[in-house]
Amino acid sequence: MDSQMHQNIAAEIVAPLWSAALPSYRAGGVQVRHLPRLFEPDWTAGLPLPLAEQRPPGQTVALADDARFHRETDERSLSTAYSQQPRTRVYESIDARSDGWHSLVTTKMASLTRHRVICTMYESNAIDQNLGAHYDAWFGAIMQMRGAKTWKVWEHPQKDPKEIVTRAGDVLLLPPHVQHDVTTPEYSVHLVFAITGNPIASNTPYEKSA
């Protein structure tokens, strides 16, 4: 797939994603929002991703559960470690380590927010152990790419969690410091565009590529 095609895909994603995220982000990211079918499911599921043989040599993958990260770059070592203990595969910082439309979306989101944005990909099977209940320090724009994911979200610590199922084409906006837990009813791939609290200077590459 050529660079122009990746640019076209990124353009189709950024506008609706940013329009959806903007109100929550500007409000300080205080409300969880589930946006079903923000993108056409079949189109989303067919987009190229740095998975399996498409993963470049420099792309690190961590096998993650609630106890530890086991990081590998070699596919054979990764497969061996996974067979010994099935865990979610975390493709770290794919915006920096893998070229493609996801890198362009990350760059544009950074230029719009004026904050550093990191894109991470999560691949899970139904049998995989996961990270357990936790919270993150960033505002997450989560795009379900393939399959489905079940999220338990504690919007109010004193109340029962809300359950949300994301499917291909869905977007979930998750504010910082909101506790959440996930399970995988089937094979799942989702991206997290993490908008951090780290501002970027106006002379960074983000500004030039915006």
N, C-alpha and C. Protein backbone atom coordinates (compact mmCIF):
# COMPACT_ATOMS: atom_id res chain seq x y z
N MET A 1 0.85 -1.19 0.00
CA MET A 1 0.00 0.00 0.00
C MET A 1 0.89 1.24 0.00
N ASP A 2 0.66 2.16 -0.95
CA ASP A 2 1.55 3.31 -1.09
C ASP A 2 1.22 4.40 -0.08
N SER A 3 2.12 5.38 0.02
CA SER A 3 1.99 6.43 1.03
C SER A 3 0.74 7.28 0.81
N GLN A 4 0.34 7.49 -0.45
CA GLN A 4 -0.86 8.28 -0.71
C GLN A 4 -2.09 7.57 -0.18
N MET A 5 -2.14 6.25 -0.31
CA MET A 5 -3.27 5.50 0.22
C MET A 5 -3.33 5.61 1.74
N HIS A 6 -2.18 5.55 2.40
CA HIS A 6 -2.15 5.72 3.85
C HIS A 6 -2.62 7.12 4.25
N GLN A 7 -2.23 8.12 3.49
CA GLN A 7 -2.69 9.48 3.77
C GLN A 7 -4.20 9.60 3.60
N ASN A 8 -4.74 8.94 2.58
CA ASN A 8 -6.19 8.99 2.37
C ASN A 8 -6.94 8.32 3.52
N ILE A 9 -6.42 7.18 3.98
CA ILE A 9 -7.05 6.50 5.12
C ILE A 9 -7.01 7.39 6.35
N ALA A 10 -5.84 7.97 6.62
CA ALA A 10 -5.69 8.84 7.79
C ALA A 10 -6.67 10.01 7.73
N ALA A 11 -6.84 10.60 6.56
CA ALA A 11 -7.76 11.73 6.42
C ALA A 11 -9.19 11.31 6.72
N GLU A 12 -9.58 10.09 6.31
CA GLU A 12 -10.93 9.61 6.57
C GLU A 12 -11.16 9.32 8.05
N ILE A 13 -10.08 9.06 8.79
CA ILE A 13 -10.22 8.74 10.21
C ILE A 13 -10.15 9.98 11.09
N VAL A 14 -9.23 10.90 10.78
CA VAL A 14 -8.97 12.02 11.68
C VAL A 14 -10.20 12.90 11.88
N ALA A 15 -10.89 13.26 10.81
CA ALA A 15 -12.00 14.21 10.93
C ALA A 15 -13.11 13.70 11.86
N PRO A 16 -13.68 12.50 11.63
CA PRO A 16 -14.71 12.04 12.56
C PRO A 16 -14.18 11.72 13.95
N LEU A 17 -12.95 11.22 14.03
CA LEU A 17 -12.40 10.89 15.35
C LEU A 17 -12.21 12.14 16.17
N TRP A 18 -11.64 13.18 15.57
CA TRP A 18 -11.40 14.41 16.31
C TRP A 18 -12.70 15.13 16.63
N SER A 19 -13.65 15.13 15.69
CA SER A 19 -14.95 15.76 15.95
C SER A 19 -15.65 15.09 17.13
N ALA A 20 -15.50 13.76 17.22
CA ALA A 20 -16.13 13.03 18.32
C ALA A 20 -15.41 13.28 19.64
N ALA A 21 -14.08 13.34 19.59
CA ALA A 21 -13.29 13.46 20.82
C ALA A 21 -13.22 14.89 21.34
N LEU A 22 -13.36 15.88 20.45
CA LEU A 22 -13.13 17.28 20.82
C LEU A 22 -13.96 17.74 22.01
N PRO A 23 -15.30 17.53 22.04
CA PRO A 23 -16.07 18.02 23.20
C PRO A 23 -15.60 17.43 24.52
N SER A 24 -15.34 16.11 24.53
CA SER A 24 -14.89 15.47 25.78
C SER A 24 -13.50 15.95 26.16
N TYR A 25 -12.63 16.07 25.17
CA TYR A 25 -11.25 16.48 25.46
C TYR A 25 -11.21 17.90 26.00
N ARG A 26 -11.94 18.82 25.38
CA ARG A 26 -11.94 20.22 25.83
C ARG A 26 -12.63 20.39 27.17
N ALA A 27 -13.54 19.47 27.49
CA ALA A 27 -14.22 19.53 28.78
C ALA A 27 -13.37 18.95 29.90
N GLY A 28 -12.15 18.57 29.57
CA GLY A 28 -11.28 17.98 30.58
C GLY A 28 -11.40 16.48 30.65
N GLY A 29 -12.07 15.90 29.65
CA GLY A 29 -12.15 14.44 29.59
C GLY A 29 -12.80 13.83 30.80
N VAL A 30 -14.01 14.29 31.14
CA VAL A 30 -14.65 13.82 32.37
C VAL A 30 -15.74 12.79 32.12
N GLN A 31 -16.08 12.52 30.87
CA GLN A 31 -17.19 11.62 30.57
C GLN A 31 -16.75 10.50 29.62
N VAL A 32 -17.10 9.27 30.00
CA VAL A 32 -16.88 8.14 29.12
C VAL A 32 -17.93 8.18 28.01
N ARG A 33 -17.49 8.01 26.76
CA ARG A 33 -18.43 8.02 25.64
C ARG A 33 -18.16 6.84 24.73
N HIS A 34 -19.22 6.11 24.42
CA HIS A 34 -19.13 5.00 23.46
C HIS A 34 -19.82 5.45 22.19
N LEU A 35 -19.10 5.38 21.08
CA LEU A 35 -19.62 5.82 19.79
C LEU A 35 -19.67 4.62 18.85
N PRO A 36 -20.80 3.90 18.82
CA PRO A 36 -20.91 2.72 17.96
C PRO A 36 -20.86 3.11 16.48
N ARG A 37 -20.14 2.31 15.70
CA ARG A 37 -20.10 2.45 14.25
C ARG A 37 -19.75 3.88 13.80
N LEU A 38 -18.81 4.47 14.50
CA LEU A 38 -18.32 5.77 14.03
C LEU A 38 -17.68 5.59 12.65
N PHE A 39 -17.12 4.40 12.41
CA PHE A 39 -16.57 4.03 11.11
C PHE A 39 -17.26 2.76 10.62
N GLU A 40 -17.31 2.60 9.32
CA GLU A 40 -17.96 1.44 8.74
C GLU A 40 -17.20 0.18 9.16
N PRO A 41 -17.87 -0.81 9.77
CA PRO A 41 -17.16 -1.95 10.38
C PRO A 41 -16.30 -2.74 9.41
N ASP A 42 -16.82 -3.07 8.23
CA ASP A 42 -16.04 -3.87 7.29
C ASP A 42 -14.81 -3.10 6.81
N TRP A 43 -14.97 -1.82 6.57
CA TRP A 43 -13.83 -0.98 6.15
C TRP A 43 -12.77 -0.96 7.24
N THR A 44 -13.20 -0.74 8.49
CA THR A 44 -12.27 -0.69 9.61
C THR A 44 -11.51 -2.00 9.77
N ALA A 45 -12.25 -3.11 9.72
CA ALA A 45 -11.63 -4.43 9.92
C ALA A 45 -10.63 -4.77 8.83
N GLY A 46 -10.77 -4.16 7.64
CA GLY A 46 -9.87 -4.46 6.55
C GLY A 46 -8.66 -3.56 6.45
N LEU A 47 -8.54 -2.58 7.33
CA LEU A 47 -7.41 -1.66 7.25
C LEU A 47 -6.11 -2.37 7.62
N PRO A 48 -5.00 -2.04 6.94
CA PRO A 48 -3.73 -2.70 7.23
C PRO A 48 -3.19 -2.30 8.59
N LEU A 49 -2.63 -3.29 9.28
CA LEU A 49 -2.04 -3.08 10.60
C LEU A 49 -0.73 -3.87 10.68
N PRO A 50 0.20 -3.43 11.52
CA PRO A 50 1.50 -4.13 11.64
C PRO A 50 1.40 -5.39 12.50
N LEU A 51 0.56 -6.33 12.07
CA LEU A 51 0.35 -7.59 12.77
C LEU A 51 1.07 -8.72 12.04
N ALA A 52 1.46 -9.74 12.81
CA ALA A 52 2.03 -10.98 12.24
C ALA A 52 3.15 -10.66 11.26
N GLU A 53 3.03 -11.14 10.02
CA GLU A 53 4.12 -10.93 9.06
C GLU A 53 4.26 -9.48 8.62
N GLN A 54 3.27 -8.65 8.92
CA GLN A 54 3.34 -7.23 8.59
C GLN A 54 4.09 -6.42 9.65
N ARG A 55 4.45 -7.08 10.76
CA ARG A 55 5.16 -6.36 11.83
C ARG A 55 6.61 -6.14 11.42
N PRO A 56 7.07 -4.87 11.37
CA PRO A 56 8.46 -4.61 11.01
C PRO A 56 9.42 -5.07 12.10
N PRO A 57 10.69 -5.29 11.77
CA PRO A 57 11.66 -5.82 12.75
C PRO A 57 11.80 -4.97 14.01
N GLY A 58 11.64 -3.66 13.88
CA GLY A 58 11.83 -2.80 15.04
C GLY A 58 10.62 -2.66 15.94
N GLN A 59 9.51 -3.31 15.56
CA GLN A 59 8.29 -3.18 16.35
C GLN A 59 8.30 -4.14 17.53
N THR A 60 8.38 -3.61 18.74
CA THR A 60 8.38 -4.45 19.94
C THR A 60 6.96 -4.85 20.30
N VAL A 61 6.86 -6.04 20.87
CA VAL A 61 5.58 -6.57 21.34
C VAL A 61 5.78 -7.05 22.77
N ALA A 62 4.88 -6.63 23.65
CA ALA A 62 4.93 -7.09 25.03
C ALA A 62 3.73 -7.99 25.30
N LEU A 63 3.99 -9.14 25.91
CA LEU A 63 2.91 -9.98 26.41
C LEU A 63 2.57 -9.46 27.80
N ALA A 64 1.31 -9.07 27.99
CA ALA A 64 0.97 -8.33 29.20
C ALA A 64 -0.17 -9.00 29.97
N ASP A 65 0.01 -9.12 31.28
CA ASP A 65 -1.08 -9.44 32.18
C ASP A 65 -0.97 -8.50 33.37
N ASP A 66 -1.69 -8.81 34.45
CA ASP A 66 -1.69 -7.87 35.58
C ASP A 66 -0.44 -7.98 36.44
N ALA A 67 0.48 -8.88 36.08
CA ALA A 67 1.68 -9.07 36.88
C ALA A 67 2.93 -8.50 36.22
N ARG A 68 3.05 -8.62 34.89
CA ARG A 68 4.31 -8.22 34.28
C ARG A 68 4.16 -8.06 32.76
N PHE A 69 5.17 -7.43 32.17
CA PHE A 69 5.32 -7.36 30.72
C PHE A 69 6.48 -8.27 30.33
N HIS A 70 6.27 -9.06 29.29
CA HIS A 70 7.35 -9.88 28.73
C HIS A 70 7.57 -9.37 27.32
N ARG A 71 8.65 -8.67 27.08
CA ARG A 71 8.86 -7.96 25.82
C ARG A 71 9.74 -8.76 24.88
N GLU A 72 9.31 -8.84 23.61
CA GLU A 72 10.06 -9.56 22.59
C GLU A 72 10.03 -8.80 21.27
N THR A 73 11.03 -9.03 20.44
CA THR A 73 11.00 -8.55 19.06
C THR A 73 11.02 -9.71 18.08
N ASP A 74 11.58 -10.84 18.48
CA ASP A 74 11.67 -12.02 17.62
C ASP A 74 10.36 -12.79 17.65
N GLU A 75 9.81 -13.10 16.49
CA GLU A 75 8.50 -13.74 16.41
C GLU A 75 8.51 -15.14 17.01
N ARG A 76 9.58 -15.88 16.82
CA ARG A 76 9.63 -17.23 17.38
C ARG A 76 9.63 -17.19 18.91
N SER A 77 10.43 -16.30 19.48
CA SER A 77 10.46 -16.17 20.95
C SER A 77 9.12 -15.70 21.47
N LEU A 78 8.49 -14.81 20.73
CA LEU A 78 7.18 -14.31 21.13
C LEU A 78 6.14 -15.42 21.12
N SER A 79 6.16 -16.25 20.08
CA SER A 79 5.20 -17.35 19.98
C SER A 79 5.42 -18.38 21.08
N THR A 80 6.69 -18.65 21.41
CA THR A 80 7.00 -19.59 22.48
C THR A 80 6.50 -19.08 23.82
N ALA A 81 6.77 -17.81 24.10
CA ALA A 81 6.33 -17.21 25.36
C ALA A 81 4.81 -17.18 25.45
N TYR A 82 4.15 -16.92 24.34
CA TYR A 82 2.69 -16.88 24.33
C TYR A 82 2.11 -18.28 24.58
N SER A 83 2.68 -19.29 23.96
CA SER A 83 2.17 -20.66 24.14
C SER A 83 2.32 -21.12 25.59
N GLN A 84 3.34 -20.64 26.27
CA GLN A 84 3.57 -20.99 27.67
C GLN A 84 2.58 -20.29 28.59
N GLN A 85 2.20 -19.06 28.22
CA GLN A 85 1.23 -18.30 29.02
C GLN A 85 0.52 -17.31 28.10
N PRO A 86 -0.67 -17.66 27.60
CA PRO A 86 -1.39 -16.77 26.69
C PRO A 86 -1.77 -15.45 27.36
N ARG A 87 -1.32 -14.37 26.78
CA ARG A 87 -1.58 -13.04 27.31
C ARG A 87 -1.82 -12.07 26.15
N THR A 88 -2.45 -10.96 26.46
CA THR A 88 -2.66 -9.92 25.45
C THR A 88 -1.32 -9.48 24.87
N ARG A 89 -1.30 -9.31 23.55
CA ARG A 89 -0.11 -8.79 22.88
C ARG A 89 -0.24 -7.27 22.76
N VAL A 90 0.74 -6.57 23.27
CA VAL A 90 0.75 -5.11 23.24
C VAL A 90 1.83 -4.65 22.27
N TYR A 91 1.41 -4.08 21.16
CA TYR A 91 2.34 -3.56 20.15
C TYR A 91 2.63 -2.11 20.53
N GLU A 92 3.82 -1.89 21.04
CA GLU A 92 4.14 -0.63 21.70
C GLU A 92 4.48 0.48 20.70
N SER A 93 3.89 1.66 20.93
CA SER A 93 4.23 2.87 20.17
C SER A 93 4.30 2.60 18.66
N ILE A 94 3.22 2.07 18.11
CA ILE A 94 3.26 1.76 16.68
C ILE A 94 3.33 3.02 15.82
N ASP A 95 3.01 4.16 16.41
CA ASP A 95 3.15 5.42 15.65
C ASP A 95 4.61 5.70 15.33
N ALA A 96 5.54 5.26 16.20
CA ALA A 96 6.96 5.53 16.01
C ALA A 96 7.71 4.34 15.41
N ARG A 97 7.21 3.12 15.65
CA ARG A 97 7.97 1.92 15.26
C ARG A 97 7.44 1.25 14.01
N SER A 98 6.25 1.63 13.55
CA SER A 98 5.64 1.04 12.35
C SER A 98 5.05 2.15 11.50
N ASP A 99 5.44 2.21 10.25
CA ASP A 99 4.90 3.22 9.34
C ASP A 99 3.48 2.85 8.93
N GLY A 100 2.69 3.87 8.60
CA GLY A 100 1.35 3.59 8.09
C GLY A 100 0.38 4.69 8.48
N TRP A 101 -0.89 4.45 8.16
CA TRP A 101 -1.92 5.46 8.42
C TRP A 101 -2.06 5.77 9.91
N HIS A 102 -1.81 4.77 10.76
CA HIS A 102 -1.92 4.99 12.21
C HIS A 102 -0.89 6.02 12.69
N SER A 103 0.29 6.04 12.07
CA SER A 103 1.30 7.04 12.42
C SER A 103 0.85 8.43 12.00
N LEU A 104 0.21 8.53 10.83
CA LEU A 104 -0.27 9.82 10.34
C LEU A 104 -1.42 10.34 11.21
N VAL A 105 -2.31 9.44 11.63
CA VAL A 105 -3.40 9.86 12.52
C VAL A 105 -2.83 10.37 13.85
N THR A 106 -1.85 9.66 14.39
CA THR A 106 -1.22 10.07 15.65
C THR A 106 -0.61 11.46 15.52
N THR A 107 0.11 11.70 14.43
CA THR A 107 0.76 12.99 14.22
C THR A 107 -0.27 14.11 14.12
N LYS A 108 -1.34 13.85 13.39
CA LYS A 108 -2.37 14.88 13.24
C LYS A 108 -3.08 15.15 14.57
N MET A 109 -3.36 14.11 15.33
CA MET A 109 -3.99 14.30 16.64
C MET A 109 -3.10 15.12 17.56
N ALA A 110 -1.80 14.89 17.47
CA ALA A 110 -0.85 15.66 18.28
C ALA A 110 -0.87 17.14 17.87
N SER A 111 -0.94 17.39 16.57
CA SER A 111 -0.96 18.78 16.11
C SER A 111 -2.25 19.48 16.51
N LEU A 112 -3.36 18.75 16.58
CA LEU A 112 -4.64 19.33 16.97
C LEU A 112 -4.71 19.60 18.47
N THR A 113 -4.17 18.70 19.26
CA THR A 113 -4.25 18.84 20.72
C THR A 113 -3.10 19.63 21.31
N ARG A 114 -2.01 19.76 20.53
CA ARG A 114 -0.78 20.39 21.02
C ARG A 114 -0.19 19.62 22.20
N HIS A 115 -0.46 18.33 22.24
CA HIS A 115 0.11 17.44 23.26
C HIS A 115 0.63 16.17 22.58
N ARG A 116 1.57 15.54 23.23
CA ARG A 116 2.12 14.29 22.68
C ARG A 116 1.03 13.23 22.66
N VAL A 117 0.96 12.51 21.54
CA VAL A 117 0.01 11.42 21.37
C VAL A 117 0.80 10.16 21.04
N ILE A 118 0.43 9.06 21.67
CA ILE A 118 1.08 7.77 21.45
C ILE A 118 0.02 6.76 21.01
N CYS A 119 0.33 5.98 19.99
CA CYS A 119 -0.60 4.95 19.52
C CYS A 119 -0.07 3.56 19.88
N THR A 120 -0.87 2.81 20.59
CA THR A 120 -0.52 1.44 20.98
C THR A 120 -1.62 0.50 20.47
N MET A 121 -1.23 -0.67 20.01
CA MET A 121 -2.18 -1.66 19.50
C MET A 121 -2.24 -2.85 20.45
N TYR A 122 -3.45 -3.33 20.72
CA TYR A 122 -3.68 -4.46 21.60
C TYR A 122 -4.36 -5.59 20.82
N GLU A 123 -3.75 -6.77 20.84
CA GLU A 123 -4.29 -7.93 20.16
C GLU A 123 -4.57 -9.02 21.19
N SER A 124 -5.79 -9.54 21.22
CA SER A 124 -6.16 -10.51 22.24
C SER A 124 -7.01 -11.63 21.65
N ASN A 125 -6.83 -12.83 22.21
CA ASN A 125 -7.75 -13.93 21.98
C ASN A 125 -8.60 -14.13 23.23
N ALA A 126 -9.67 -14.88 23.09
CA ALA A 126 -10.60 -15.05 24.22
C ALA A 126 -9.93 -15.69 25.43
N ILE A 127 -8.89 -16.50 25.21
CA ILE A 127 -8.26 -17.22 26.32
C ILE A 127 -7.19 -16.37 27.03
N ASP A 128 -6.87 -15.22 26.49
CA ASP A 128 -5.73 -14.46 27.00
C ASP A 128 -5.98 -13.84 28.37
N GLN A 129 -4.94 -13.88 29.21
CA GLN A 129 -4.94 -13.05 30.40
C GLN A 129 -4.76 -11.60 30.00
N ASN A 130 -5.27 -10.68 30.82
CA ASN A 130 -5.17 -9.27 30.47
C ASN A 130 -4.56 -8.47 31.62
N LEU A 131 -4.64 -7.17 31.51
CA LEU A 131 -3.97 -6.30 32.48
C LEU A 131 -4.69 -6.20 33.82
N GLY A 132 -5.94 -6.66 33.90
CA GLY A 132 -6.71 -6.50 35.12
C GLY A 132 -7.24 -5.09 35.25
N ALA A 133 -8.02 -4.85 36.30
CA ALA A 133 -8.59 -3.52 36.51
C ALA A 133 -7.48 -2.51 36.79
N HIS A 134 -7.52 -1.39 36.08
CA HIS A 134 -6.49 -0.37 36.24
C HIS A 134 -7.00 0.95 35.67
N TYR A 135 -6.22 1.99 35.83
CA TYR A 135 -6.54 3.26 35.16
C TYR A 135 -5.27 3.80 34.53
N ASP A 136 -5.46 4.69 33.57
CA ASP A 136 -4.34 5.30 32.85
C ASP A 136 -4.34 6.81 33.08
N ALA A 137 -3.19 7.41 32.85
CA ALA A 137 -3.03 8.83 33.13
C ALA A 137 -3.34 9.71 31.93
N TRP A 138 -3.76 9.10 30.82
CA TRP A 138 -3.99 9.87 29.60
C TRP A 138 -5.45 9.76 29.17
N PHE A 139 -5.83 10.66 28.26
CA PHE A 139 -7.13 10.61 27.61
C PHE A 139 -7.03 9.64 26.43
N GLY A 140 -7.82 8.59 26.44
CA GLY A 140 -7.72 7.56 25.42
C GLY A 140 -8.84 7.63 24.40
N ALA A 141 -8.47 7.78 23.13
CA ALA A 141 -9.42 7.61 22.02
C ALA A 141 -9.18 6.21 21.47
N ILE A 142 -10.08 5.30 21.77
CA ILE A 142 -9.89 3.88 21.51
C ILE A 142 -10.71 3.48 20.29
N MET A 143 -10.05 2.91 19.32
CA MET A 143 -10.69 2.53 18.06
C MET A 143 -10.66 1.02 17.93
N GLN A 144 -11.83 0.39 17.94
CA GLN A 144 -11.91 -1.06 17.79
C GLN A 144 -11.73 -1.39 16.32
N MET A 145 -10.71 -2.19 16.01
CA MET A 145 -10.36 -2.49 14.63
C MET A 145 -10.98 -3.81 14.15
N ARG A 146 -10.87 -4.84 14.98
CA ARG A 146 -11.35 -6.17 14.60
C ARG A 146 -11.94 -6.85 15.82
N GLY A 147 -12.92 -7.72 15.59
CA GLY A 147 -13.49 -8.48 16.69
C GLY A 147 -14.26 -7.61 17.67
N ALA A 148 -14.22 -7.99 18.94
CA ALA A 148 -14.99 -7.29 19.96
C ALA A 148 -14.25 -7.30 21.29
N LYS A 149 -14.54 -6.31 22.12
CA LYS A 149 -13.95 -6.17 23.44
C LYS A 149 -15.04 -5.75 24.42
N THR A 150 -15.05 -6.35 25.60
CA THR A 150 -15.99 -5.96 26.64
C THR A 150 -15.26 -5.16 27.71
N TRP A 151 -15.77 -3.98 27.98
CA TRP A 151 -15.15 -3.05 28.93
C TRP A 151 -16.05 -2.88 30.15
N LYS A 152 -15.49 -3.02 31.33
CA LYS A 152 -16.15 -2.59 32.55
C LYS A 152 -15.50 -1.27 32.96
N VAL A 153 -16.31 -0.24 33.10
CA VAL A 153 -15.80 1.11 33.35
C VAL A 153 -16.44 1.65 34.61
N TRP A 154 -15.60 2.05 35.56
CA TRP A 154 -16.08 2.63 36.80
C TRP A 154 -16.05 4.16 36.68
N GLU A 155 -17.13 4.73 36.11
CA GLU A 155 -17.19 6.19 35.98
C GLU A 155 -17.29 6.85 37.35
N HIS A 156 -17.99 6.18 38.28
CA HIS A 156 -18.15 6.68 39.64
C HIS A 156 -17.67 5.60 40.60
N PRO A 157 -16.61 5.85 41.35
CA PRO A 157 -16.01 4.81 42.19
C PRO A 157 -16.98 4.15 43.16
N GLN A 158 -18.02 4.85 43.58
CA GLN A 158 -18.95 4.31 44.55
C GLN A 158 -20.11 3.56 43.91
N LYS A 159 -20.13 3.46 42.58
CA LYS A 159 -21.22 2.80 41.88
C LYS A 159 -20.71 1.58 41.11
N ASP A 160 -21.65 0.74 40.71
CA ASP A 160 -21.28 -0.43 39.91
C ASP A 160 -20.73 0.01 38.56
N PRO A 161 -19.85 -0.79 37.96
CA PRO A 161 -19.28 -0.39 36.66
C PRO A 161 -20.31 -0.48 35.54
N LYS A 162 -20.09 0.35 34.54
CA LYS A 162 -20.87 0.27 33.31
C LYS A 162 -20.20 -0.73 32.39
N GLU A 163 -20.98 -1.54 31.69
CA GLU A 163 -20.41 -2.50 30.75
C GLU A 163 -20.65 -2.02 29.32
N ILE A 164 -19.59 -1.98 28.54
CA ILE A 164 -19.63 -1.51 27.16
C ILE A 164 -18.95 -2.56 26.28
N VAL A 165 -19.57 -2.89 25.18
CA VAL A 165 -18.95 -3.79 24.20
C VAL A 165 -18.60 -2.99 22.96
N THR A 166 -17.33 -2.99 22.59
CA THR A 166 -16.90 -2.31 21.37
C THR A 166 -16.67 -3.34 20.27
N ARG A 167 -17.15 -2.99 19.08
CA ARG A 167 -16.99 -3.84 17.90
C ARG A 167 -16.32 -3.02 16.80
N ALA A 168 -15.88 -3.70 15.76
CA ALA A 168 -15.15 -3.03 14.68
C ALA A 168 -15.91 -1.80 14.21
N GLY A 169 -15.20 -0.68 14.14
CA GLY A 169 -15.79 0.59 13.75
C GLY A 169 -16.20 1.46 14.91
N ASP A 170 -16.27 0.89 16.13
CA ASP A 170 -16.66 1.66 17.31
C ASP A 170 -15.47 2.46 17.84
N VAL A 171 -15.79 3.56 18.52
CA VAL A 171 -14.78 4.35 19.24
C VAL A 171 -15.25 4.50 20.68
N LEU A 172 -14.32 4.35 21.60
CA LEU A 172 -14.58 4.56 23.02
C LEU A 172 -13.66 5.67 23.50
N LEU A 173 -14.24 6.70 24.11
CA LEU A 173 -13.46 7.80 24.67
C LEU A 173 -13.36 7.60 26.17
N LEU A 174 -12.15 7.41 26.65
CA LEU A 174 -11.92 7.05 28.05
C LEU A 174 -11.08 8.13 28.73
N PRO A 175 -11.67 8.88 29.65
CA PRO A 175 -10.93 9.94 30.33
C PRO A 175 -9.80 9.38 31.18
N PRO A 176 -8.83 10.21 31.53
CA PRO A 176 -7.76 9.75 32.41
C PRO A 176 -8.28 9.42 33.81
N HIS A 177 -7.60 8.47 34.44
CA HIS A 177 -7.87 8.10 35.84
C HIS A 177 -9.25 7.47 36.05
N VAL A 178 -9.85 6.95 34.98
CA VAL A 178 -11.09 6.19 35.11
C VAL A 178 -10.74 4.71 35.12
N GLN A 179 -11.08 4.04 36.20
CA GLN A 179 -10.74 2.62 36.31
C GLN A 179 -11.54 1.81 35.29
N HIS A 180 -10.86 0.84 34.68
CA HIS A 180 -11.53 0.00 33.69
C HIS A 180 -10.88 -1.39 33.67
N ASP A 181 -11.64 -2.35 33.21
CA ASP A 181 -11.17 -3.72 33.06
C ASP A 181 -11.75 -4.25 31.75
N VAL A 182 -11.05 -5.17 31.11
CA VAL A 182 -11.52 -5.66 29.81
C VAL A 182 -11.52 -7.19 29.79
N THR A 183 -12.41 -7.73 28.99
CA THR A 183 -12.41 -9.14 28.65
C THR A 183 -12.62 -9.24 27.14
N THR A 184 -12.25 -10.40 26.59
CA THR A 184 -12.30 -10.58 25.14
C THR A 184 -13.24 -11.73 24.81
N PRO A 185 -14.46 -11.43 24.33
CA PRO A 185 -15.39 -12.52 23.99
C PRO A 185 -14.98 -13.29 22.75
N GLU A 186 -14.13 -12.68 21.94
CA GLU A 186 -13.63 -13.31 20.71
C GLU A 186 -12.32 -12.61 20.38
N TYR A 187 -11.73 -12.97 19.25
CA TYR A 187 -10.51 -12.30 18.83
C TYR A 187 -10.75 -10.79 18.74
N SER A 188 -9.77 -10.01 19.19
CA SER A 188 -9.93 -8.56 19.23
C SER A 188 -8.63 -7.85 18.91
N VAL A 189 -8.74 -6.77 18.14
CA VAL A 189 -7.64 -5.83 17.95
C VAL A 189 -8.20 -4.43 18.13
N HIS A 190 -7.59 -3.66 19.02
CA HIS A 190 -7.98 -2.26 19.13
C HIS A 190 -6.75 -1.38 19.25
N LEU A 191 -6.91 -0.13 18.83
CA LEU A 191 -5.87 0.88 18.95
C LEU A 191 -6.24 1.86 20.03
N VAL A 192 -5.24 2.32 20.76
CA VAL A 192 -5.43 3.41 21.71
C VAL A 192 -4.58 4.60 21.25
N PHE A 193 -5.25 5.70 20.91
CA PHE A 193 -4.55 6.95 20.67
C PHE A 193 -4.56 7.69 22.01
N ALA A 194 -3.44 7.63 22.70
CA ALA A 194 -3.33 8.17 24.06
C ALA A 194 -2.86 9.62 24.00
N ILE A 195 -3.74 10.54 24.35
CA ILE A 195 -3.40 11.96 24.39
C ILE A 195 -2.84 12.25 25.77
N THR A 196 -1.55 12.48 25.84
CA THR A 196 -0.87 12.62 27.12
C THR A 196 -0.99 14.06 27.65
N GLY A 197 -0.50 14.26 28.85
CA GLY A 197 -0.46 15.60 29.43
C GLY A 197 0.80 16.36 29.08
N ASN A 198 1.60 15.83 28.15
CA ASN A 198 2.87 16.46 27.80
C ASN A 198 2.70 17.38 26.59
N PRO A 199 2.77 18.69 26.79
CA PRO A 199 2.62 19.61 25.64
C PRO A 199 3.81 19.51 24.70
N ILE A 200 3.57 19.85 23.44
CA ILE A 200 4.64 19.84 22.45
C ILE A 200 4.92 21.27 22.01
N ALA A 201 6.18 21.55 21.72
CA ALA A 201 6.58 22.89 21.30
C ALA A 201 6.16 23.13 19.86
N SER A 202 6.02 24.39 19.48
CA SER A 202 5.54 24.73 18.14
C SER A 202 6.55 24.42 17.05
N ASN A 203 7.82 24.17 17.40
CA ASN A 203 8.83 23.89 16.39
C ASN A 203 9.15 22.41 16.26
N THR A 204 8.27 21.54 16.78
CA THR A 204 8.49 20.10 16.69
C THR A 204 8.04 19.60 15.33
N PRO A 205 8.41 18.36 14.94
CA PRO A 205 7.94 17.78 13.68
C PRO A 205 6.43 17.71 13.58
N TYR A 206 5.71 17.63 14.73
CA TYR A 206 4.25 17.61 14.68
C TYR A 206 3.72 18.83 13.96
N GLU A 207 4.31 19.99 14.30
CA GLU A 207 3.85 21.24 13.71
C GLU A 207 4.11 21.25 12.21
N LYS A 208 5.24 20.74 11.79
CA LYS A 208 5.59 20.77 10.37
C LYS A 208 4.72 19.86 9.55
N SER A 209 4.24 18.76 10.16
CA SER A 209 3.47 17.79 9.38
C SER A 209 1.97 18.01 9.49
N ALA A 210 1.56 18.99 10.28
CA ALA A 210 0.13 19.22 10.50
C ALA A 210 -0.53 19.77 9.24
